[in-house]
Protein backbone atom coordinates (compact mmCIF):
# COMPACT_ATOMS: atom_id res chain seq x y z
CA MET A 1 38.60 -2.31 3.26
CA ARG A 2 37.12 -5.67 4.08
CA ILE A 3 33.33 -5.79 3.94
CA ALA A 4 31.46 -8.65 5.57
CA TRP A 5 28.14 -9.71 4.11
CA ILE A 6 25.41 -11.68 5.83
CA VAL A 7 23.69 -14.36 3.77
CA THR A 8 20.55 -12.82 2.35
CA ALA A 9 18.26 -15.76 2.92
CA VAL A 10 15.26 -14.66 4.99
CA LEU A 11 14.88 -16.73 8.13
CA VAL A 12 11.40 -17.73 9.19
CA VAL A 13 9.79 -15.75 11.99
CA SER A 14 6.73 -17.06 13.77
CA ALA A 15 3.58 -16.17 11.87
CA SER A 16 2.08 -14.80 15.08
CA ALA A 17 4.59 -11.95 14.93
CA PHE A 18 2.98 -10.59 11.78
CA ALA A 19 -0.29 -8.74 11.53
CA GLN A 20 -2.64 -7.58 8.84
CA PRO A 21 -2.31 -3.97 7.71
CA SER A 22 -4.67 -1.84 9.75
CA GLY A 23 -7.15 0.47 8.08
CA GLN A 24 -5.61 1.61 4.80
CA TYR A 25 -2.24 1.58 3.09
CA LEU A 26 -0.51 3.67 0.42
CA ARG A 27 -1.16 2.25 -3.05
CA LEU A 28 1.37 3.02 -5.83
CA GLN A 29 0.67 2.34 -9.49
CA GLY A 30 4.38 2.42 -10.32
CA PHE A 31 6.50 3.96 -13.05
CA PRO A 32 5.75 5.58 -15.51
CA GLN A 33 3.36 7.30 -13.10
CA HIS A 34 4.90 10.17 -11.16
CA GLY A 35 2.94 10.47 -7.94
CA TYR A 36 4.42 10.74 -4.47
CA ILE A 37 4.08 12.22 -1.01
CA GLU A 38 6.45 15.12 -0.35
CA ILE A 39 7.47 16.18 3.15
CA PRO A 40 9.29 19.49 3.73
CA HIS A 41 12.96 19.33 4.68
CA ASP A 42 13.76 18.98 8.35
CA VAL A 43 17.16 18.16 9.82
CA LEU A 44 15.47 15.60 12.10
CA LEU A 45 14.54 13.53 9.04
CA ASP A 46 18.20 13.03 8.05
CA THR A 47 20.46 12.36 11.01
CA THR A 48 23.83 10.68 11.57
CA ALA A 49 22.20 7.61 13.08
CA MET A 50 18.96 6.52 11.41
CA THR A 51 16.49 3.72 10.95
CA VAL A 52 14.00 3.69 8.05
CA GLU A 53 11.42 0.91 8.18
CA ALA A 54 8.11 -0.01 6.54
CA TRP A 55 5.76 -2.81 5.63
CA VAL A 56 5.86 -3.25 1.86
CA SER A 57 4.39 -5.32 -0.94
CA VAL A 58 6.20 -3.83 -3.91
CA ARG A 59 7.95 -4.61 -7.16
CA ASP A 60 10.56 -2.71 -9.17
CA ALA A 61 8.49 -1.07 -11.91
CA HIS A 62 11.43 0.76 -13.52
CA GLY A 63 12.84 -2.34 -15.16
CA THR A 64 16.27 -1.11 -16.23
CA GLY A 65 17.03 0.73 -13.02
CA CYS A 66 15.71 0.86 -9.49
CA SER A 67 12.44 1.96 -7.88
CA SER A 68 12.09 4.28 -4.93
CA ILE A 69 10.18 3.46 -1.75
CA ALA A 70 11.26 6.62 0.08
CA GLY A 71 14.18 9.01 0.01
CA LYS A 72 15.62 12.43 0.78
CA GLY A 73 17.95 12.73 -2.17
CA TYR A 74 20.07 9.65 -2.84
CA THR A 75 23.02 11.62 -4.28
CA THR A 76 23.75 13.40 -0.98
CA GLY A 77 21.35 11.97 1.60
CA TRP A 78 19.41 8.76 2.18
CA TRP A 79 17.24 6.50 0.02
CA LEU A 80 15.45 3.18 0.42
CA GLY A 81 14.19 1.15 -2.52
CA LEU A 82 14.68 -1.93 -4.62
CA CYS A 83 16.69 -2.81 -7.70
CA GLY A 84 15.06 -5.83 -9.32
CA THR A 85 14.24 -7.82 -6.20
CA THR A 86 17.22 -6.58 -4.19
CA MET A 87 16.76 -4.20 -1.29
CA ARG A 88 19.07 -1.18 -1.57
CA SER A 89 19.83 1.73 0.75
CA TYR A 90 21.86 4.93 0.66
CA PHE A 91 22.70 6.90 3.78
CA ASN A 92 25.72 8.90 2.70
CA GLY A 93 24.87 9.79 -0.86
CA THR A 94 26.12 8.00 -3.95
CA PRO A 95 29.54 6.91 -2.59
CA ASN A 96 27.95 4.61 -0.05
CA PHE A 97 25.06 2.51 -1.34
CA ARG A 98 24.45 -0.97 -0.01
CA ASP A 99 22.55 -3.96 -1.41
CA GLY A 100 21.24 -6.78 0.72
CA GLY A 101 18.03 -8.75 1.11
CA VAL A 102 15.44 -10.06 -1.33
CA ILE A 103 12.04 -8.38 -1.65
CA PRO A 104 9.50 -10.84 -3.12
CA THR A 105 7.33 -9.65 -6.00
CA THR A 106 4.22 -11.68 -5.14
CA PRO A 107 1.44 -9.09 -4.79
CA THR A 108 -0.16 -10.78 -1.78
CA VAL A 109 3.04 -11.01 0.25
CA TRP A 110 3.75 -8.19 2.69
CA ILE A 111 7.16 -8.05 4.36
CA HIS A 112 8.75 -5.74 6.87
CA ILE A 113 11.98 -4.04 5.80
CA ALA A 114 14.39 -1.88 7.80
CA ALA A 115 17.61 -0.11 6.88
CA VAL A 116 19.81 1.06 9.76
CA THR A 117 23.00 3.10 10.05
CA ASP A 118 24.87 4.25 13.14
CA GLY A 119 27.39 6.19 11.05
CA ALA A 120 29.86 3.31 11.04
CA THR A 121 27.84 0.22 10.14
CA ARG A 122 24.91 -0.37 7.76
CA SER A 123 22.39 -3.12 8.48
CA HIS A 124 19.40 -4.42 6.49
CA TYR A 125 16.59 -6.41 8.08
CA ILE A 126 13.72 -8.29 6.47
CA ASN A 127 10.93 -9.56 8.72
CA GLY A 128 13.15 -8.76 11.70
CA ASN A 129 16.06 -10.87 10.44
CA LEU A 130 19.50 -9.43 9.69
CA VAL A 131 20.15 -10.07 6.00
CA SER A 132 23.22 -7.88 5.38
CA GLN A 133 25.69 -5.86 7.39
CA THR A 134 28.59 -3.77 6.07
CA LEU A 135 30.92 -1.02 7.14
CA GLU A 136 30.12 2.52 6.06
CA THR A 137 32.89 3.78 3.79
CA ALA A 138 32.20 7.51 3.66
CA ALA A 139 31.57 10.30 6.12
CA ARG A 140 27.89 10.88 6.87
CA SER A 141 26.41 13.45 4.53
CA VAL A 142 23.11 15.28 5.02
CA SER A 143 20.56 16.34 2.44
CA THR A 144 18.61 19.61 2.54
CA LEU A 145 16.07 18.34 -0.01
CA PRO A 146 12.49 17.44 0.89
CA MET A 147 11.68 13.85 1.74
CA ARG A 148 9.49 11.81 -0.60
CA ILE A 149 7.52 8.61 -0.16
CA GLY A 150 6.97 6.64 -3.36
CA SER A 151 9.76 8.62 -5.01
CA ASP A 152 12.98 10.50 -4.30
CA PRO A 153 14.02 14.08 -5.23
CA ASN A 154 16.92 12.60 -7.22
CA TRP A 155 15.24 9.40 -8.45
CA ASP A 156 11.61 9.85 -9.44
CA PHE A 157 10.80 6.22 -10.27
CA MET A 158 7.82 4.92 -8.33
CA ALA A 159 7.70 1.32 -7.15
CA GLU A 160 4.48 -0.57 -7.82
CA GLY A 161 2.47 -1.95 -4.92
CA GLY A 162 1.78 -0.97 -1.34
CA ILE A 163 3.52 0.70 1.62
CA ASP A 164 2.25 0.86 5.19
CA ASP A 165 3.52 2.10 8.54
CA LEU A 166 6.63 3.85 7.21
CA ARG A 167 8.64 5.09 10.19
CA ILE A 168 11.70 7.32 10.41
CA TRP A 169 13.88 7.05 13.50
CA LYS A 170 16.74 9.37 14.47
CA VAL A 171 18.53 6.46 16.15
CA ALA A 172 20.09 3.21 14.96
CA ARG A 173 17.70 0.54 16.20
CA THR A 174 18.88 -2.91 17.23
CA GLN A 175 17.44 -6.14 15.89
CA ALA A 176 15.61 -6.72 19.17
CA GLN A 177 14.07 -3.25 19.03
CA ILE A 178 12.96 -3.71 15.42
CA ARG A 179 11.30 -7.02 16.25
CA GLN A 180 9.64 -5.55 19.32
CA THR A 181 7.76 -2.82 17.44
CA MET A 182 7.49 -3.97 13.81
CA SER A 183 3.91 -5.19 14.27
CA THR A 184 2.90 -2.87 17.09
CA GLY A 185 -0.21 -0.84 16.45
CA TYR A 186 -0.26 2.93 16.70
CA ILE A 187 -0.25 4.71 20.03
CA PRO A 188 0.13 8.48 20.55
CA GLU A 189 3.57 9.60 21.71
CA ALA A 190 2.10 10.76 25.04
CA ASN A 191 0.97 7.19 25.75
CA ASP A 192 4.41 5.66 25.19
CA VAL A 193 5.21 5.69 28.89
CA ALA A 194 7.62 2.76 28.55
CA GLY A 195 9.69 4.58 25.94
CA VAL A 196 9.31 1.77 23.40
CA PHE A 197 9.26 4.33 20.58
CA GLN A 198 12.07 6.52 21.92
CA GLY A 199 13.90 8.07 18.97
CA LEU A 200 10.95 7.84 16.58
CA GLU A 201 10.64 11.02 14.52
CA ALA A 202 7.88 10.30 11.99
CA TRP A 203 5.20 7.64 11.54
CA TYR A 204 3.21 7.54 8.30
CA ARG A 205 0.17 5.27 8.68
CA PHE A 206 -1.54 6.29 5.39
CA GLU A 207 -5.03 6.25 6.85
CA GLY A 208 -6.41 8.10 3.85
CA ASN A 209 -3.91 10.95 4.15
CA ALA A 210 -0.22 11.87 4.12
CA PHE A 211 -0.02 12.95 7.76
CA ASP A 212 2.70 12.13 10.25
CA SER A 213 0.87 10.53 13.18
CA TRP A 214 3.82 10.93 15.57
CA ARG A 215 5.00 14.53 15.13
CA THR A 216 4.14 17.18 12.54
CA HIS A 217 6.16 16.13 9.48
CA HIS A 218 3.01 16.15 7.35
CA GLY A 219 3.23 15.48 3.63
CA THR A 220 1.46 16.65 0.49
CA ILE A 221 0.25 14.32 -2.27
CA VAL A 222 1.75 15.30 -5.62
CA GLY A 223 1.17 13.92 -9.13
CA THR A 224 -0.74 10.85 -10.26
CA GLY A 225 -0.70 7.10 -9.70
CA ILE A 226 -0.89 7.34 -5.92
CA GLY A 227 -3.77 6.74 -3.54
CA PHE A 228 -5.02 4.74 -0.57
CA ALA A 229 -6.57 1.29 -0.49
CA PRO A 230 -8.33 -0.74 2.22
CA ALA A 231 -6.11 -3.20 4.02
CA PRO A 232 -8.15 -6.38 3.42
CA LEU A 233 -6.80 -6.52 -0.16
CA PHE A 234 -3.48 -7.78 1.17
CA ARG A 235 -2.19 -9.79 4.08
CA ARG A 236 1.13 -9.49 5.83
CA HIS A 237 3.00 -12.67 6.54
CA ALA A 238 6.51 -13.99 6.73
CA VAL A 239 8.09 -15.38 3.60
CA GLY A 240 7.73 -19.13 3.83
CA HIS A 241 4.36 -19.05 5.60
């Protein structure tokens, strides 16, 4: 099967489209620490069409393998992380991983990443730019494992750095939709009268806790090497600015 790749160079987006992290963010010390946030299994956190997005400033701390940003069991479900400096996603278990996009390792650089599947096509975005797109090559599989942030039930290797505004959508978002909301501050679901966040299932803001601000997919902090830090330590901005 022919697979088409998009050049992974990150295009410049206007600096005004990027904002500082609000409040606090999730701070990860990285492997060999084994701390993470665990969220109980729910079928709405692993759907046929999905978008997983977050602001990150992370590096692969595993060295000889890959580091997890979030996942629900990469062998049968979905996973988002980095291998070296390469963004990687799984949405159909091990038969169907995809690489695409470079995640910088500079500690002061925050970027927005998004992995999207509609069941037929996989897309990766960095700072709202499409950096890879491929066909899915396996039927969509679903995991019954809990979801983890900073780890994965099948790959407990913590990335080092920060994560903020991690959002799980039960729809495949378009590039325009990702750009529209990637820097939008939090509003309660009841206030989303325009339906901008339609399809959003969970929103982890990490304001000193592991709560889901959108629904009730609340997490529990497990292990060591994980905590919360004030946002002024880092700044979000596009690569190249």
